[in-house]
C-alpha atoms as a PDB file:
ATOM      1  CA  MET A   1     -16.386  -8.209 -49.668  1.00  0.00           C
ATOM      2  CA  ASN A   2     -19.358  -6.758 -51.464  1.00  0.00           C
ATOM      3  CA  GLY A   3     -22.457  -5.157 -49.938  1.00  0.00           C
ATOM      4  CA  SER A   4     -24.333  -8.473 -49.785  1.00  0.00           C
ATOM      5  CA  THR A   5     -21.649 -10.273 -47.797  1.00  0.00           C
ATOM      6  CA  LEU A   6     -22.663 -11.486 -44.333  1.00  0.00           C
ATOM      7  CA  VAL A   7     -19.952 -11.602 -41.706  1.00  0.00           C
ATOM      8  CA  ARG A   8     -20.740 -13.516 -38.526  1.00  0.00           C
ATOM      9  CA  LEU A   9     -19.413 -12.049 -35.308  1.00  0.00           C
ATOM     10  CA  ALA A  10     -18.680 -15.363 -33.671  1.00  0.00           C
ATOM     11  CA  ALA A  11     -18.224 -13.920 -30.197  1.00  0.00           C
ATOM     12  CA  ALA A  12     -21.492 -12.024 -30.175  1.00  0.00           C
ATOM     13  CA  GLY A  13     -23.697 -14.209 -32.328  1.00  0.00           C
ATOM     14  CA  VAL A  14     -24.355 -11.130 -34.484  1.00  0.00           C
ATOM     15  CA  VAL A  15     -24.791 -11.182 -38.239  1.00  0.00           C
ATOM     16  CA  LEU A  16     -23.336  -8.115 -39.904  1.00  0.00           C
ATOM     17  CA  ALA A  17     -24.339  -7.017 -43.384  1.00  0.00           C
ATOM     18  CA  GLY A  18     -21.529  -4.769 -44.467  1.00  0.00           C
ATOM     19  CA  VAL A  19     -18.532  -4.113 -46.643  1.00  0.00           C
ATOM     20  CA  CYS A  20     -15.531  -4.514 -44.343  1.00  0.00           C
ATOM     21  CA  ALA A  21     -14.437  -5.884 -40.975  1.00  0.00           C
ATOM     22  CA  PRO A  22     -16.909  -5.122 -38.167  1.00  0.00           C
ATOM     23  CA  ALA A  23     -16.493  -2.687 -35.314  1.00  0.00           C
ATOM     24  CA  ALA A  24     -18.838  -4.405 -32.875  1.00  0.00           C
ATOM     25  CA  HIS A  25     -17.498  -6.142 -29.837  1.00  0.00           C
ATOM     26  CA  ALA A  26     -19.347  -8.422 -27.428  1.00  0.00           C
ATOM     27  CA  ALA A  27     -19.166 -11.819 -25.807  1.00  0.00           C
ATOM     28  CA  PRO A  28     -22.524 -13.584 -25.466  1.00  0.00           C
ATOM     29  CA  ALA A  29     -23.421 -11.868 -22.178  1.00  0.00           C
ATOM     30  CA  ASP A  30     -21.531  -8.615 -22.785  1.00  0.00           C
ATOM     31  CA  ARG A  31     -22.666  -5.209 -23.931  1.00  0.00           C
ATOM     32  CA  LEU A  32     -22.540  -4.787 -27.703  1.00  0.00           C
ATOM     33  CA  GLU A  33     -20.449  -1.767 -28.713  1.00  0.00           C
ATOM     34  CA  ILE A  34     -21.064  -0.572 -32.291  1.00  0.00           C
ATOM     35  CA  THR A  35     -18.608   2.036 -33.528  1.00  0.00           C
ATOM     36  CA  GLU A  36     -18.535   1.499 -37.282  1.00  0.00           C
ATOM     37  CA  GLY A  37     -21.345   2.581 -39.588  1.00  0.00           C
ATOM     38  CA  GLY A  38     -22.134   2.393 -43.252  1.00  0.00           C
ATOM     39  CA  THR A  39     -23.030   4.796 -46.041  1.00  0.00           C
ATOM     40  CA  PRO A  40     -26.281   6.221 -47.426  1.00  0.00           C
ATOM     41  CA  ASP A  41     -26.256   3.525 -50.116  1.00  0.00           C
ATOM     42  CA  HIS A  42     -25.192   0.728 -47.764  1.00  0.00           C
ATOM     43  CA  PRO A  43     -26.187   1.241 -44.118  1.00  0.00           C
ATOM     44  CA  ARG A  44     -24.434  -1.218 -41.857  1.00  0.00           C
ATOM     45  CA  VAL A  45     -26.915  -3.761 -40.482  1.00  0.00           C
ATOM     46  CA  TYR A  46     -26.235  -5.563 -37.189  1.00  0.00           C
ATOM     47  CA  SER A  47     -28.732  -8.420 -36.953  1.00  0.00           C
ATOM     48  CA  GLY A  48     -29.129 -10.265 -33.676  1.00  0.00           C
ATOM     49  CA  ALA A  49     -31.796 -12.817 -34.670  1.00  0.00           C
ATOM     50  CA  GLY A  50     -32.931 -12.782 -31.036  1.00  0.00           C
ATOM     51  CA  GLN A  51     -29.409 -12.968 -29.605  1.00  0.00           C
ATOM     52  CA  GLN A  52     -29.141 -12.076 -25.909  1.00  0.00           C
ATOM     53  CA  VAL A  53     -26.740  -9.243 -25.034  1.00  0.00           C
ATOM     54  CA  SER A  54     -26.442  -7.221 -21.825  1.00  0.00           C
ATOM     55  CA  GLY A  55     -26.862  -3.854 -23.585  1.00  0.00           C
ATOM     56  CA  ILE A  56     -26.164  -2.009 -26.829  1.00  0.00           C
ATOM     57  CA  ASP A  57     -24.232   1.217 -27.442  1.00  0.00           C
ATOM     58  CA  VAL A  58     -24.143   2.763 -30.909  1.00  0.00           C
ATOM     59  CA  ASP A  59     -21.706   5.573 -31.739  1.00  0.00           C
ATOM     60  CA  ALA A  60     -21.771   5.651 -35.545  1.00  0.00           C
ATOM     61  CA  ASP A  61     -23.804   6.855 -38.538  1.00  0.00           C
ATOM     62  CA  TRP A  62     -25.896   4.867 -41.039  1.00  0.00           C
ATOM     63  CA  VAL A  63     -26.491   1.895 -38.762  1.00  0.00           C
ATOM     64  CA  VAL A  64     -29.422  -0.527 -38.407  1.00  0.00           C
ATOM     65  CA  VAL A  65     -29.647  -2.560 -35.188  1.00  0.00           C
ATOM     66  CA  ASP A  66     -32.169  -5.348 -35.602  1.00  0.00           C
ATOM     67  CA  GLY A  67     -33.528  -8.146 -33.447  1.00  0.00           C
ATOM     68  CA  PHE A  68     -31.702  -8.320 -30.109  1.00  0.00           C
ATOM     69  CA  THR A  69     -32.897  -9.452 -26.680  1.00  0.00           C
ATOM     70  CA  LEU A  70     -31.815  -7.624 -23.526  1.00  0.00           C
ATOM     71  CA  THR A  71     -32.905  -9.075 -20.175  1.00  0.00           C
ATOM     72  CA  ASN A  72     -32.055  -7.050 -17.070  1.00  0.00           C
ATOM     73  CA  PRO A  73     -29.427  -4.948 -18.908  1.00  0.00           C
ATOM     74  CA  SER A  74     -27.498  -2.093 -17.351  1.00  0.00           C
ATOM     75  CA  ALA A  75     -29.446   1.089 -18.035  1.00  0.00           C
ATOM     76  CA  PRO A  76     -29.902   2.519 -20.509  1.00  0.00           C
ATOM     77  CA  GLY A  77     -30.480  -0.816 -22.180  1.00  0.00           C
ATOM     78  CA  VAL A  78     -29.749   0.760 -25.570  1.00  0.00           C
ATOM     79  CA  GLU A  79     -28.005   4.078 -26.196  1.00  0.00           C
ATOM     80  CA  LEU A  80     -27.971   5.489 -29.724  1.00  0.00           C
ATOM     81  CA  GLU A  81     -25.698   8.334 -30.769  1.00  0.00           C
ATOM     82  CA  GLY A  82     -25.271   9.209 -34.422  1.00  0.00           C
ATOM     83  CA  ASP A  83     -27.144  10.160 -37.579  1.00  0.00           C
ATOM     84  CA  HIS A  84     -29.368   7.866 -39.637  1.00  0.00           C
ATOM     85  CA  VAL A  85     -29.513   5.186 -36.948  1.00  0.00           C
ATOM     86  CA  THR A  86     -32.376   2.673 -36.729  1.00  0.00           C
ATOM     87  CA  LEU A  87     -33.235   0.425 -33.777  1.00  0.00           C
ATOM     88  CA  GLN A  88     -35.887  -2.192 -34.502  1.00  0.00           C
ATOM     89  CA  ASN A  89     -37.352  -5.529 -33.412  1.00  0.00           C
ATOM     90  CA  THR A  90     -35.495  -5.472 -30.093  1.00  0.00           C
ATOM     91  CA  THR A  91     -36.815  -6.432 -26.640  1.00  0.00           C
ATOM     92  CA  ILE A  92     -35.555  -4.776 -23.456  1.00  0.00           C
ATOM     93  CA  THR A  93     -36.774  -6.148 -20.117  1.00  0.00           C
ATOM     94  CA  GLU A  94     -36.153  -4.672 -16.644  1.00  0.00           C
ATOM     95  CA  PRO A  95     -33.137  -2.409 -17.213  1.00  0.00           C
ATOM     96  CA  HIS A  96     -31.342  -1.632 -13.953  1.00  0.00           C
ATOM     97  CA  GLY A  97     -28.890   0.901 -12.532  1.00  0.00           C
ATOM     98  CA  GLY A  98     -28.440   4.529 -13.512  1.00  0.00           C
ATOM     99  CA  ASP A  99     -31.801   6.170 -14.137  1.00  0.00           C
ATOM    100  CA  GLY A 100     -33.243   2.848 -15.249  1.00  0.00           C
ATOM    101  CA  ASP A 101     -34.071   3.962 -18.814  1.00  0.00           C
ATOM    102  CA  GLY A 102     -34.822   1.499 -21.597  1.00  0.00           C
ATOM    103  CA  ILE A 103     -33.570   3.523 -24.590  1.00  0.00           C
ATOM    104  CA  ARG A 104     -31.682   6.806 -24.870  1.00  0.00           C
ATOM    105  CA  PHE A 105     -31.094   8.501 -28.219  1.00  0.00           C
ATOM    106  CA  PHE A 106     -29.100  11.458 -29.522  1.00  0.00           C
ATOM    107  CA  GLY A 107     -28.667  12.575 -33.132  1.00  0.00           C
ATOM    108  CA  ASP A 108     -30.478  13.302 -36.376  1.00  0.00           C
ATOM    109  CA  TYR A 109     -32.669  11.100 -38.578  1.00  0.00           C
ATOM    110  CA  LEU A 110     -33.203   8.421 -35.956  1.00  0.00           C
ATOM    111  CA  THR A 111     -35.819   5.670 -36.248  1.00  0.00           C
ATOM    112  CA  ILE A 112     -36.984   3.588 -33.289  1.00  0.00           C
ATOM    113  CA  ARG A 113     -39.636   1.079 -34.330  1.00  0.00           C
ATOM    114  CA  HIS A 114     -41.159  -2.287 -33.460  1.00  0.00           C
ATOM    115  CA  ASN A 115     -39.362  -2.549 -30.107  1.00  0.00           C
ATOM    116  CA  THR A 116     -40.691  -3.587 -26.697  1.00  0.00           C
ATOM    117  CA  VAL A 117     -39.456  -2.104 -23.414  1.00  0.00           C
ATOM    118  CA  SER A 118     -40.937  -3.420 -20.173  1.00  0.00           C
ATOM    119  CA  GLY A 119     -40.449  -3.186 -16.446  1.00  0.00           C
ATOM    120  CA  THR A 120     -38.498   0.045 -15.917  1.00  0.00           C
ATOM    121  CA  SER A 121     -38.196   0.910 -12.219  1.00  0.00           C
ATOM    122  CA  ASN A 122     -37.819   4.261 -10.459  1.00  0.00           C
ATOM    123  CA  ARG A 123     -35.877   2.732  -7.573  1.00  0.00           C
ATOM    124  CA  ASN A 124     -32.680   4.513  -8.700  1.00  0.00           C
ATOM    125  CA  GLY A 125     -34.017   7.496 -10.664  1.00  0.00           C
ATOM    126  CA  HIS A 126     -36.687   8.367 -13.209  1.00  0.00           C
ATOM    127  CA  ALA A 127     -36.940   5.290 -15.385  1.00  0.00           C
ATOM    128  CA  ASP A 128     -38.332   6.146 -18.819  1.00  0.00           C
ATOM    129  CA  CYS A 129     -39.063   3.856 -21.728  1.00  0.00           C
ATOM    130  CA  LEU A 130     -37.307   6.364 -24.052  1.00  0.00           C
ATOM    131  CA  GLN A 131     -35.366   9.515 -23.247  1.00  0.00           C
ATOM    132  CA  THR A 132     -33.340  12.213 -24.978  1.00  0.00           C
ATOM    133  CA  PHE A 133     -31.807  15.431 -23.671  1.00  0.00           C
ATOM    134  CA  ALA A 134     -29.188  17.955 -24.747  1.00  0.00           C
ATOM    135  CA  SER A 135     -26.924  18.940 -21.888  1.00  0.00           C
ATOM    136  CA  ASP A 136     -23.611  17.149 -22.363  1.00  0.00           C
ATOM    137  CA  THR A 137     -25.045  15.395 -25.424  1.00  0.00           C
ATOM    138  CA  ARG A 138     -26.119  16.535 -28.886  1.00  0.00           C
ATOM    139  CA  PRO A 139     -29.738  17.563 -29.578  1.00  0.00           C
ATOM    140  CA  SER A 140     -31.998  15.271 -31.602  1.00  0.00           C
ATOM    141  CA  ASN A 141     -33.823  16.146 -34.827  1.00  0.00           C
ATOM    142  CA  HIS A 142     -35.971  14.263 -37.355  1.00  0.00           C
ATOM    143  CA  VAL A 143     -36.814  11.433 -34.983  1.00  0.00           C
ATOM    144  CA  ARG A 144     -39.416   8.774 -35.769  1.00  0.00           C
ATOM    145  CA  ILE A 145     -40.716   6.603 -32.920  1.00  0.00           C
ATOM    146  CA  GLU A 146     -43.273   4.159 -34.290  1.00  0.00           C
ATOM    147  CA  ASP A 147     -45.051   0.904 -33.380  1.00  0.00           C
ATOM    148  CA  ASN A 148     -43.224   0.365 -30.089  1.00  0.00           C
ATOM    149  CA  ARG A 149     -44.608  -1.094 -26.864  1.00  0.00           C
ATOM    150  CA  CYS A 150     -43.726   0.475 -23.517  1.00  0.00           C
ATOM    151  CA  GLU A 151     -45.115  -1.798 -20.781  1.00  0.00           C
ATOM    152  CA  LYS A 152     -45.012  -1.378 -16.981  1.00  0.00           C
ATOM    153  CA  ILE A 153     -42.975   1.816 -17.210  1.00  0.00           C
ATOM    154  CA  ASP A 154     -42.565   3.590 -13.859  1.00  0.00           C
ATOM    155  CA  ASN A 155     -41.813   6.983 -15.382  1.00  0.00           C
ATOM    156  CA  THR A 156     -42.711   8.377 -18.829  1.00  0.00           C
ATOM    157  CA  CYS A 157     -42.903   6.447 -22.060  1.00  0.00           C
ATOM    158  CA  LEU A 158     -40.991   9.336 -23.660  1.00  0.00           C
ATOM    159  CA  MET A 159     -39.075  12.159 -21.999  1.00  0.00           C
ATOM    160  CA  ALA A 160     -37.758  14.549 -24.674  1.00  0.00           C
ATOM    161  CA  GLU A 161     -35.779  17.616 -23.583  1.00  0.00           C
ATOM    162  CA  GLY A 162     -34.205  20.152 -25.932  1.00  0.00           C
ATOM    163  CA  PRO A 163     -31.076  22.225 -25.348  1.00  0.00           C
ATOM    164  CA  ASN A 164     -33.004  25.298 -24.185  1.00  0.00           C
ATOM    165  CA  ASP A 165     -35.163  23.719 -21.476  1.00  0.00           C
ATOM    166  CA  GLY A 166     -33.207  25.334 -18.637  1.00  0.00           C
ATOM    167  CA  GLU A 167     -31.059  22.280 -18.003  1.00  0.00           C
ATOM    168  CA  GLY A 168     -29.553  21.910 -21.484  1.00  0.00           C
ATOM    169  CA  ASP A 169     -26.435  23.525 -22.911  1.00  0.00           C
ATOM    170  CA  GLY A 170     -28.350  25.969 -25.159  1.00  0.00           C
ATOM    171  CA  LYS A 171     -26.684  24.728 -28.345  1.00  0.00           C
ATOM    172  CA  GLY A 172     -28.941  24.059 -31.320  1.00  0.00           C
ATOM    173  CA  HIS A 173     -32.530  22.827 -31.306  1.00  0.00           C
ATOM    174  CA  SER A 174     -34.525  19.617 -30.995  1.00  0.00           C
ATOM    175  CA  THR A 175     -37.171  19.442 -33.731  1.00  0.00           C
ATOM    176  CA  ASP A 176     -39.373  17.250 -35.907  1.00  0.00           C
ATOM    177  CA  PHE A 177     -40.401  14.277 -33.796  1.00  0.00           C
ATOM    178  CA  VAL A 178     -43.019  11.802 -35.055  1.00  0.00           C
ATOM    179  CA  ILE A 179     -44.547   9.653 -32.305  1.00  0.00           C
ATOM    180  CA  LYS A 180     -46.916   7.263 -34.057  1.00  0.00           C
ATOM    181  CA  ASP A 181     -48.864   4.068 -33.288  1.00  0.00           C
ATOM    182  CA  ASN A 182     -47.136   3.257 -30.008  1.00  0.00           C
ATOM    183  CA  ASP A 183     -48.686   1.509 -26.991  1.00  0.00           C
ATOM    184  CA  CYS A 184     -47.696   3.268 -23.773  1.00  0.00           C
ATOM    185  CA  GLU A 185     -48.240   2.249 -20.149  1.00  0.00           C
ATOM    186  CA  THR A 186     -47.044   4.700 -17.486  1.00  0.00           C
ATOM    187  CA  LEU A 187     -47.384   3.622 -13.847  1.00  0.00           C
ATOM    188  CA  LYS A 188     -46.127   6.527 -11.713  1.00  0.00           C
ATOM    189  CA  ALA A 189     -45.396   9.646 -13.797  1.00  0.00           C
ATOM    190  CA  SER A 190     -47.870  12.505 -14.198  1.00  0.00           C
ATOM    191  CA  GLN A 191     -47.794  12.221 -17.995  1.00  0.00           C
ATOM    192  CA  THR A 192     -47.107   9.524 -20.570  1.00  0.00           C
ATOM    193  CA  LEU A 193     -45.223  11.705 -23.086  1.00  0.00           C
ATOM    194  CA  MET A 194     -43.346  14.832 -21.988  1.00  0.00           C
ATOM    195  CA  PHE A 195     -41.783  17.414 -24.310  1.00  0.00           C
ATOM    196  CA  GLU A 196     -39.674  20.358 -23.129  1.00  0.00           C
ATOM    197  CA  ASP A 197     -38.178  22.659 -25.775  1.00  0.00           C
ATOM    198  CA  VAL A 198     -38.950  20.238 -28.619  1.00  0.00           C
ATOM    199  CA  GLN A 199     -40.500  21.894 -31.669  1.00  0.00           C
ATOM    200  CA  ARG A 200     -42.780  20.340 -34.301  1.00  0.00           C
ATOM    201  CA  ALA A 201     -43.780  17.099 -32.613  1.00  0.00           C
ATOM    202  CA  THR A 202     -46.432  15.025 -34.391  1.00  0.00           C
ATOM    203  CA  ILE A 203     -48.222  12.692 -31.986  1.00  0.00           C
ATOM    204  CA  THR A 204     -50.757  10.448 -33.671  1.00  0.00           C
ATOM    205  CA  GLY A 205     -52.358   7.028 -33.395  1.00  0.00           C
ATOM    206  CA  ASN A 206     -50.912   6.178 -29.981  1.00  0.00           C
ATOM    207  CA  THR A 207     -52.657   4.283 -27.182  1.00  0.00           C
ATOM    208  CA  PHE A 208     -52.200   5.538 -23.618  1.00  0.00           C
ATOM    209  CA  ALA A 209     -53.039   3.190 -20.746  1.00  0.00           C
ATOM    210  CA  ALA A 210     -54.496   4.374 -17.447  1.00  0.00           C
ATOM    211  CA  GLY A 211     -52.201   5.727 -14.765  1.00  0.00           C
ATOM    212  CA  PRO A 212     -51.053   9.315 -15.431  1.00  0.00           C
ATOM    213  CA  ASP A 213     -52.916  12.582 -14.849  1.00  0.00           C
ATOM    214  CA  HIS A 214     -52.538  13.480 -18.531  1.00  0.00           C
ATOM    215  CA  ALA A 215     -51.295  11.723 -21.638  1.00  0.00           C
ATOM    216  CA  ILE A 216     -49.181  14.440 -23.297  1.00  0.00           C
ATOM    217  CA  GLY A 217     -47.248  17.347 -21.795  1.00  0.00           C
ATOM    218  CA  LEU A 218     -45.940  20.247 -23.943  1.00  0.00           C
ATOM    219  CA  ALA A 219     -43.769  22.759 -22.110  1.00  0.00           C
ATOM    220  CA  ILE A 220     -40.918  25.286 -22.372  1.00  0.00           C
ATOM    221  CA  GLY A 221     -41.372  26.319 -25.989  1.00  0.00           C
ATOM    222  CA  SER A 222     -42.527  23.018 -27.452  1.00  0.00           C
ATOM    223  CA  THR A 223     -44.270  24.858 -30.269  1.00  0.00           C
ATOM    224  CA  GLY A 224     -45.856  23.584 -33.469  1.00  0.00           C
ATOM    225  CA  ALA A 225     -47.107  20.299 -32.017  1.00  0.00           C
ATOM    226  CA  HIS A 226     -49.767  18.358 -33.910  1.00  0.00           C
ATOM    227  CA  VAL A 227     -51.869  15.892 -31.905  1.00  0.00           C
ATOM    228  CA  ASP A 228     -54.434  13.674 -33.612  1.00  0.00           C
ATOM    229  CA  GLY A 229     -56.104  10.281 -33.438  1.00  0.00           C
ATOM    230  CA  ASN A 230     -54.698   9.042 -30.135  1.00  0.00           C
ATOM    231  CA  HIS A 231     -56.643   6.836 -27.720  1.00  0.00           C
ATOM    232  CA  ALA A 232     -56.323   7.701 -24.034  1.00  0.00           C
ATOM    233  CA  ASP A 233     -57.885   5.415 -21.441  1.00  0.00           C
ATOM    234  CA  PRO A 234     -61.045   7.045 -20.039  1.00  0.00           C
ATOM    235  CA  ALA A 235     -59.406   7.085 -16.597  1.00  0.00           C
ATOM    236  CA  ILE A 236     -56.897   9.699 -17.855  1.00  0.00           C
ATOM    237  CA  PRO A 237     -58.689  13.012 -17.206  1.00  0.00           C
ATOM    238  CA  CYS A 238     -56.653  15.193 -19.602  1.00  0.00           C
ATOM    239  CA  GLU A 239     -55.236  14.210 -22.985  1.00  0.00           C
ATOM    240  CA  VAL A 240     -53.045  17.279 -23.581  1.00  0.00           C
ATOM    241  CA  GLY A 241     -51.458  19.602 -21.049  1.00  0.00           C
ATOM    242  CA  ILE A 242     -49.707  22.694 -22.386  1.00  0.00           C
ATOM    243  CA  ASP A 243     -48.089  25.892 -21.130  1.00  0.00           C
ATOM    244  CA  SER A 244     -48.398  29.314 -22.735  1.00  0.00           C
ATOM    245  CA  SER A 245     -44.937  29.147 -24.323  1.00  0.00           C
ATOM    246  CA  SER A 246     -45.919  26.031 -26.279  1.00  0.00           C
ATOM    247  CA  ARG A 247     -49.270  27.289 -27.618  1.00  0.00           C
ATOM    248  CA  PRO A 248     -47.987  28.851 -30.889  1.00  0.00           C
ATOM    249  CA  GLY A 249     -48.676  26.528 -33.817  1.00  0.00           C
ATOM    250  CA  TYR A 250     -50.417  23.866 -31.730  1.00  0.00           C
ATOM    251  CA  THR A 251     -53.162  21.859 -33.457  1.00  0.00           C
ATOM    252  CA  GLY A 252     -55.186  19.089 -31.837  1.00  0.00           C
ATOM    253  CA  PRO A 253     -57.637  18.503 -29.025  1.00  0.00           C
ATOM    254  CA  GLU A 254     -58.192  21.493 -26.770  1.00  0.00           C
ATOM    255  CA  PRO A 255     -55.668  21.254 -23.921  1.00  0.00           C
ATOM    256  CA  THR A 256     -57.447  21.121 -20.573  1.00  0.00           C
ATOM    257  CA  CYS A 257     -54.590  21.097 -18.062  1.00  0.00           C
ATOM    258  CA  GLU A 258     -51.045  22.213 -17.396  1.00  0.00           C
ATOM    259  CA  PRO A 259     -48.169  20.108 -18.710  1.00  0.00           C
END
């Protein structure tokens, strides 16, 4: 097969653009397990075309996951682990079980764009739209989160924790996050976006709905953050909360509260 060949995964209703036999396994209502990636010249594209699956797990590099529908999946609805992985055009509704998260991600050069996550519930934990951490998992670097919708989220729209936040394993760093042009609705958490030990976060062009005490929290050495051009609902009293350890290199609106 050449790079333009499309292989249909009959069991999963998934179209694979790739160069050899797929490593993705799912029946129509099962969780999609992706364990085979591509190359820099030919990333492996798994295209759902709206196909319903009960969850997605990626453990591979150079992968694009495009256009799936997840209704009431086991949480996290999607878990990404690898380098150069993209998740796009996917809808996740009311994940359940575990902490109730919509998307978890771990790795370098990750892109999460044009997705919708709705209806996460704190009944079993702290249900975030997106989460990453570095305890028994790898830290994340060079992450782009863009043009997503997080609707009716009980906890944060993004909880990002590095390896040196006091709960991590202390190995490596989490750096270079771009959070751009997302719509975020947080119902119960104190903040919409929370960073702990994540350096060089750029947070721009996002819309924050009413609900939390503050829109953005920067804590535990989350230095070098750049905040610009976001719209926070007037009912949110503080756009940026920051602690003293995260002040170095910060640029943006004057922080007026703690993280």
